[in-house]
Amino acid sequence: MPGLKKNERLHNKTIINSLFEKGSSFKSYPFKVYWLAFSEDSLIFNKTQEIRSAVPIDQRKKEKSFDITGKPIPQNAVFSQPAKTMFLVSKKNIRLATKRNRIRRLIKESFRKNKNPFYSFLKKKKLNCVLAITYISKDLKTYKEIESKLNLSLQLLISRIEEENCNYEVVAGK
């Protein structure tokens, strides 16, 4: 997994809303990490816009997936990798767009380099994860600082997922 492909990025608004409503978070300066982990078989959402178990109609056709009611699932909600990630840099903290984009590129690159242990952990536990990595510092950091802090944040995330002993299925409530 050398690159950070489009199917590894989080785009689906329903899943993003579920992440911020039902997910957990922690701060590891200069990042705040929002995360939601769930088992591989409790994957996609249906009409009620909840993450639910998906039933693939045909295993050979990965581009078409259907939820338990038989409705097609949007392609940006299908997990082909163990995690989907989004990177956020606040306009409130970093005013210039060029600096925000530079920080976002540095975070993406350091995540791309350090994602393999995190992905192997998720595959071993048979979990999928949705992440939002937010840069909360008001000043610019160097690439080495960002990489070391992001690596530390990923290790902390692994320990948080391990210590949480609940069922990772997110089921439609009530």
C-alpha atoms as a PDB file:
ATOM      1  CA  MET A   1       0.000   0.000   0.000  1.00  0.00           C
ATOM      2  CA  PRO A   2       2.463   2.650  -1.089  1.00  0.00           C
ATOM      3  CA  GLY A   3       0.022   5.467  -1.872  1.00  0.00           C
ATOM      4  CA  LEU A   4      -2.986   7.130  -0.332  1.00  0.00           C
ATOM      5  CA  LYS A   5      -5.658   6.242  -2.842  1.00  0.00           C
ATOM      6  CA  LYS A   6      -9.050   7.837  -3.314  1.00  0.00           C
ATOM      7  CA  ASN A   7     -10.844   4.821  -1.832  1.00  0.00           C
ATOM      8  CA  GLU A   8      -8.881   5.370   1.407  1.00  0.00           C
ATOM      9  CA  ARG A   9     -10.232   8.898   1.817  1.00  0.00           C
ATOM     10  CA  LEU A  10     -13.472   9.646   3.575  1.00  0.00           C
ATOM     11  CA  HIS A  11     -16.010  11.417   1.327  1.00  0.00           C
ATOM     12  CA  ASN A  12     -19.424  10.053   2.268  1.00  0.00           C
ATOM     13  CA  LYS A  13     -21.452  12.590   4.248  1.00  0.00           C
ATOM     14  CA  THR A  14     -23.523   9.957   6.024  1.00  0.00           C
ATOM     15  CA  ILE A  15     -20.442   8.189   7.338  1.00  0.00           C
ATOM     16  CA  ILE A  16     -18.860  11.531   8.299  1.00  0.00           C
ATOM     17  CA  ASN A  17     -21.985  12.453  10.284  1.00  0.00           C
ATOM     18  CA  SER A  18     -21.930   9.049  12.014  1.00  0.00           C
ATOM     19  CA  LEU A  19     -18.253   9.559  12.838  1.00  0.00           C
ATOM     20  CA  PHE A  20     -18.818  12.869  14.589  1.00  0.00           C
ATOM     21  CA  GLU A  21     -22.067  11.797  16.296  1.00  0.00           C
ATOM     22  CA  LYS A  22     -21.149   8.302  17.488  1.00  0.00           C
ATOM     23  CA  GLY A  23     -17.369   8.215  17.333  1.00  0.00           C
ATOM     24  CA  SER A  24     -14.740   8.812  19.977  1.00  0.00           C
ATOM     25  CA  SER A  25     -11.940  11.338  20.007  1.00  0.00           C
ATOM     26  CA  PHE A  26      -8.676  12.164  21.725  1.00  0.00           C
ATOM     27  CA  LYS A  27      -6.079  14.921  21.530  1.00  0.00           C
ATOM     28  CA  SER A  28      -2.457  14.291  20.782  1.00  0.00           C
ATOM     29  CA  TYR A  29      -1.036  17.737  20.140  1.00  0.00           C
ATOM     30  CA  PRO A  30      -0.982  19.082  17.372  1.00  0.00           C
ATOM     31  CA  PHE A  31      -3.773  16.696  16.331  1.00  0.00           C
ATOM     32  CA  LYS A  32      -7.249  15.830  17.458  1.00  0.00           C
ATOM     33  CA  VAL A  33      -8.260  12.397  16.178  1.00  0.00           C
ATOM     34  CA  TYR A  34     -11.899  11.388  15.764  1.00  0.00           C
ATOM     35  CA  TRP A  35     -12.419   7.673  15.179  1.00  0.00           C
ATOM     36  CA  LEU A  36     -15.132   5.068  14.834  1.00  0.00           C
ATOM     37  CA  ALA A  37     -14.221   1.382  14.590  1.00  0.00           C
ATOM     38  CA  PHE A  38     -16.607  -1.409  13.644  1.00  0.00           C
ATOM     39  CA  SER A  39     -16.381  -4.999  12.479  1.00  0.00           C
ATOM     40  CA  GLU A  40     -15.978  -5.798   8.797  1.00  0.00           C
ATOM     41  CA  ASP A  41     -19.396  -7.408   8.467  1.00  0.00           C
ATOM     42  CA  SER A  42     -21.250  -4.401   9.921  1.00  0.00           C
ATOM     43  CA  LEU A  43     -20.198  -2.198   7.112  1.00  0.00           C
ATOM     44  CA  ILE A  44     -22.434  -0.016   5.064  1.00  0.00           C
ATOM     45  CA  PHE A  45     -25.597   1.992   5.599  1.00  0.00           C
ATOM     46  CA  ASN A  46     -29.128   1.643   4.320  1.00  0.00           C
ATOM     47  CA  LYS A  47     -32.064   3.972   3.776  1.00  0.00           C
ATOM     48  CA  THR A  48     -32.187   4.974   7.444  1.00  0.00           C
ATOM     49  CA  GLN A  49     -28.621   6.246   7.035  1.00  0.00           C
ATOM     50  CA  GLU A  50     -27.081   4.058   9.713  1.00  0.00           C
ATOM     51  CA  ILE A  51     -24.019   1.899   9.280  1.00  0.00           C
ATOM     52  CA  ARG A  52     -25.316  -1.652   8.930  1.00  0.00           C
ATOM     53  CA  SER A  53     -24.286  -5.035   7.626  1.00  0.00           C
ATOM     54  CA  ALA A  54     -23.898  -5.234   3.889  1.00  0.00           C
ATOM     55  CA  VAL A  55     -24.680  -8.209   1.705  1.00  0.00           C
ATOM     56  CA  PRO A  56     -22.596  -8.233  -1.463  1.00  0.00           C
ATOM     57  CA  ILE A  57     -24.710  -9.694  -4.252  1.00  0.00           C
ATOM     58  CA  ASP A  58     -21.741 -10.818  -6.306  1.00  0.00           C
ATOM     59  CA  GLN A  59     -18.243 -11.105  -4.821  1.00  0.00           C
ATOM     60  CA  ARG A  60     -16.637 -10.716  -8.251  1.00  0.00           C
ATOM     61  CA  LYS A  61     -18.264  -7.325  -8.845  1.00  0.00           C
ATOM     62  CA  LYS A  62     -16.722  -5.140  -6.169  1.00  0.00           C
ATOM     63  CA  GLU A  63     -18.058  -1.989  -7.814  1.00  0.00           C
ATOM     64  CA  LYS A  64     -21.652  -2.982  -6.970  1.00  0.00           C
ATOM     65  CA  SER A  65     -22.585  -3.577  -3.352  1.00  0.00           C
ATOM     66  CA  PHE A  66     -26.042  -3.756  -1.867  1.00  0.00           C
ATOM     67  CA  ASP A  67     -27.282  -3.250   1.673  1.00  0.00           C
ATOM     68  CA  ILE A  68     -29.513  -5.688   3.541  1.00  0.00           C
ATOM     69  CA  THR A  69     -32.631  -4.246   1.909  1.00  0.00           C
ATOM     70  CA  GLY A  70     -31.204  -4.825  -1.586  1.00  0.00           C
ATOM     71  CA  LYS A  71     -30.580  -1.163  -2.435  1.00  0.00           C
ATOM     72  CA  PRO A  72     -27.301  -0.203  -4.101  1.00  0.00           C
ATOM     73  CA  ILE A  73     -24.674   1.391  -1.884  1.00  0.00           C
ATOM     74  CA  PRO A  74     -22.740   4.490  -3.016  1.00  0.00           C
ATOM     75  CA  GLN A  75     -19.220   3.664  -4.125  1.00  0.00           C
ATOM     76  CA  ASN A  76     -17.643   6.108  -1.670  1.00  0.00           C
ATOM     77  CA  ALA A  77     -19.177   4.141   1.226  1.00  0.00           C
ATOM     78  CA  VAL A  78     -17.604   0.786   0.293  1.00  0.00           C
ATOM     79  CA  PHE A  79     -14.506  -0.135   2.298  1.00  0.00           C
ATOM     80  CA  SER A  80     -11.871  -1.672   0.020  1.00  0.00           C
ATOM     81  CA  GLN A  81      -9.182  -0.776   2.578  1.00  0.00           C
ATOM     82  CA  PRO A  82      -9.466  -1.242   6.361  1.00  0.00           C
ATOM     83  CA  ALA A  83      -9.743   2.496   7.039  1.00  0.00           C
ATOM     84  CA  LYS A  84     -11.123   5.665   5.504  1.00  0.00           C
ATOM     85  CA  THR A  85      -9.491   8.911   6.577  1.00  0.00           C
ATOM     86  CA  MET A  86     -10.083  12.622   6.212  1.00  0.00           C
ATOM     87  CA  PHE A  87      -7.617  15.378   7.059  1.00  0.00           C
ATOM     88  CA  LEU A  88      -8.831  18.715   8.422  1.00  0.00           C
ATOM     89  CA  VAL A  89      -7.013  22.006   8.983  1.00  0.00           C
ATOM     90  CA  SER A  90      -9.115  24.770  10.484  1.00  0.00           C
ATOM     91  CA  LYS A  91      -9.376  28.128   8.769  1.00  0.00           C
ATOM     92  CA  LYS A  92      -9.791  29.646  12.211  1.00  0.00           C
ATOM     93  CA  ASN A  93      -6.286  28.528  13.243  1.00  0.00           C
ATOM     94  CA  ILE A  94      -4.420  28.831   9.926  1.00  0.00           C
ATOM     95  CA  ARG A  95      -5.717  31.798   7.941  1.00  0.00           C
ATOM     96  CA  LEU A  96      -3.871  31.439   4.631  1.00  0.00           C
ATOM     97  CA  ALA A  97      -5.123  28.726   2.289  1.00  0.00           C
ATOM     98  CA  THR A  98      -1.621  28.005   1.001  1.00  0.00           C
ATOM     99  CA  LYS A  99      -0.412  27.222   4.512  1.00  0.00           C
ATOM    100  CA  ARG A 100      -3.492  25.073   5.228  1.00  0.00           C
ATOM    101  CA  ASN A 101      -2.918  23.109   2.026  1.00  0.00           C
ATOM    102  CA  ARG A 102       0.769  22.641   2.858  1.00  0.00           C
ATOM    103  CA  ILE A 103      -0.060  21.299   6.319  1.00  0.00           C
ATOM    104  CA  ARG A 104      -2.699  18.999   4.829  1.00  0.00           C
ATOM    105  CA  ARG A 105      -0.173  17.660   2.296  1.00  0.00           C
ATOM    106  CA  LEU A 106       2.397  17.055   5.039  1.00  0.00           C
ATOM    107  CA  ILE A 107      -0.161  15.203   7.178  1.00  0.00           C
ATOM    108  CA  LYS A 108      -1.273  13.074   4.217  1.00  0.00           C
ATOM    109  CA  GLU A 109       2.316  12.171   3.371  1.00  0.00           C
ATOM    110  CA  SER A 110       3.202  11.238   6.932  1.00  0.00           C
ATOM    111  CA  PHE A 111      -0.008   9.186   7.225  1.00  0.00           C
ATOM    112  CA  ARG A 112       0.806   7.436   3.944  1.00  0.00           C
ATOM    113  CA  LYS A 113       4.242   6.473   5.275  1.00  0.00           C
ATOM    114  CA  ASN A 114       3.030   5.300   8.700  1.00  0.00           C
ATOM    115  CA  LYS A 115      -0.306   3.636   7.910  1.00  0.00           C
ATOM    116  CA  ASN A 116       0.955   0.064   7.417  1.00  0.00           C
ATOM    117  CA  PRO A 117       1.140  -0.952  11.124  1.00  0.00           C
ATOM    118  CA  PHE A 118      -2.306   0.574  11.704  1.00  0.00           C
ATOM    119  CA  TYR A 119      -3.799  -1.214   8.676  1.00  0.00           C
ATOM    120  CA  SER A 120      -2.237  -4.545   9.658  1.00  0.00           C
ATOM    121  CA  PHE A 121      -3.663  -4.153  13.184  1.00  0.00           C
ATOM    122  CA  LEU A 122      -7.151  -3.531  11.745  1.00  0.00           C
ATOM    123  CA  LYS A 123      -6.861  -6.511   9.393  1.00  0.00           C
ATOM    124  CA  LYS A 124      -5.711  -8.766  12.241  1.00  0.00           C
ATOM    125  CA  LYS A 125      -8.668  -7.699  14.403  1.00  0.00           C
ATOM    126  CA  LYS A 126     -11.045  -7.811  11.379  1.00  0.00           C
ATOM    127  CA  LEU A 127     -12.138  -4.236  11.913  1.00  0.00           C
ATOM    128  CA  ASN A 128     -12.795  -1.221   9.743  1.00  0.00           C
ATOM    129  CA  CYS A 129     -12.164   2.286  10.971  1.00  0.00           C
ATOM    130  CA  VAL A 130     -13.251   5.775  10.012  1.00  0.00           C
ATOM    131  CA  LEU A 131     -10.800   8.553  10.966  1.00  0.00           C
ATOM    132  CA  ALA A 132     -10.767  12.325  10.948  1.00  0.00           C
ATOM    133  CA  ILE A 133      -7.371  13.804  11.755  1.00  0.00           C
ATOM    134  CA  THR A 134      -7.666  17.484  12.681  1.00  0.00           C
ATOM    135  CA  TYR A 135      -4.696  19.817  12.959  1.00  0.00           C
ATOM    136  CA  ILE A 136      -5.367  22.008  16.010  1.00  0.00           C
ATOM    137  CA  SER A 137      -2.129  23.971  16.329  1.00  0.00           C
ATOM    138  CA  LYS A 138      -2.020  27.648  15.413  1.00  0.00           C
ATOM    139  CA  ASP A 139       1.541  27.555  14.122  1.00  0.00           C
ATOM    140  CA  LEU A 140       3.296  25.663  11.354  1.00  0.00           C
ATOM    141  CA  LYS A 141       5.278  22.556  12.240  1.00  0.00           C
ATOM    142  CA  THR A 142       8.072  20.951  10.271  1.00  0.00           C
ATOM    143  CA  TYR A 143       7.568  17.684   8.448  1.00  0.00           C
ATOM    144  CA  LYS A 144       9.618  15.729  11.000  1.00  0.00           C
ATOM    145  CA  GLU A 145       7.522  17.060  13.878  1.00  0.00           C
ATOM    146  CA  ILE A 146       4.275  16.271  12.069  1.00  0.00           C
ATOM    147  CA  GLU A 147       5.445  12.772  11.154  1.00  0.00           C
ATOM    148  CA  SER A 148       6.590  11.905  14.672  1.00  0.00           C
ATOM    149  CA  LYS A 149       3.403  13.271  16.277  1.00  0.00           C
ATOM    150  CA  LEU A 150       1.150  11.517  13.744  1.00  0.00           C
ATOM    151  CA  ASN A 151       2.983   8.242  14.305  1.00  0.00           C
ATOM    152  CA  LEU A 152       2.457   8.711  18.043  1.00  0.00           C
ATOM    153  CA  SER A 153      -1.236   9.469  17.444  1.00  0.00           C
ATOM    154  CA  LEU A 154      -1.669   6.283  15.384  1.00  0.00           C
ATOM    155  CA  GLN A 155      -0.035   4.218  18.138  1.00  0.00           C
ATOM    156  CA  LEU A 156      -2.345   5.833  20.675  1.00  0.00           C
ATOM    157  CA  LEU A 157      -5.314   5.060  18.432  1.00  0.00           C
ATOM    158  CA  ILE A 158      -4.282   1.407  18.244  1.00  0.00           C
ATOM    159  CA  SER A 159      -4.087   1.232  22.041  1.00  0.00           C
ATOM    160  CA  ARG A 160      -7.507   2.931  22.383  1.00  0.00           C
ATOM    161  CA  ILE A 161      -9.112   0.445  20.001  1.00  0.00           C
ATOM    162  CA  GLU A 162      -7.487  -2.467  21.862  1.00  0.00           C
ATOM    163  CA  GLU A 163      -8.600  -1.314  25.298  1.00  0.00           C
ATOM    164  CA  GLU A 164     -12.161  -0.660  24.225  1.00  0.00           C
ATOM    165  CA  ASN A 165     -13.891  -3.969  24.913  1.00  0.00           C
ATOM    166  CA  CYS A 166     -17.237  -3.207  23.351  1.00  0.00           C
ATOM    167  CA  ASN A 167     -18.823  -4.697  20.275  1.00  0.00           C
ATOM    168  CA  TYR A 168     -17.728  -2.692  17.228  1.00  0.00           C
ATOM    169  CA  GLU A 169     -20.984  -3.099  15.361  1.00  0.00           C
ATOM    170  CA  VAL A 170     -22.873   0.109  14.925  1.00  0.00           C
ATOM    171  CA  VAL A 171     -26.500  -0.862  14.608  1.00  0.00           C
ATOM    172  CA  ALA A 172     -29.504   1.325  13.947  1.00  0.00           C
ATOM    173  CA  GLY A 173     -30.814   2.385  17.305  1.00  0.00           C
ATOM    174  CA  LYS A 174     -34.357   2.361  18.561  1.00  0.00           C
END
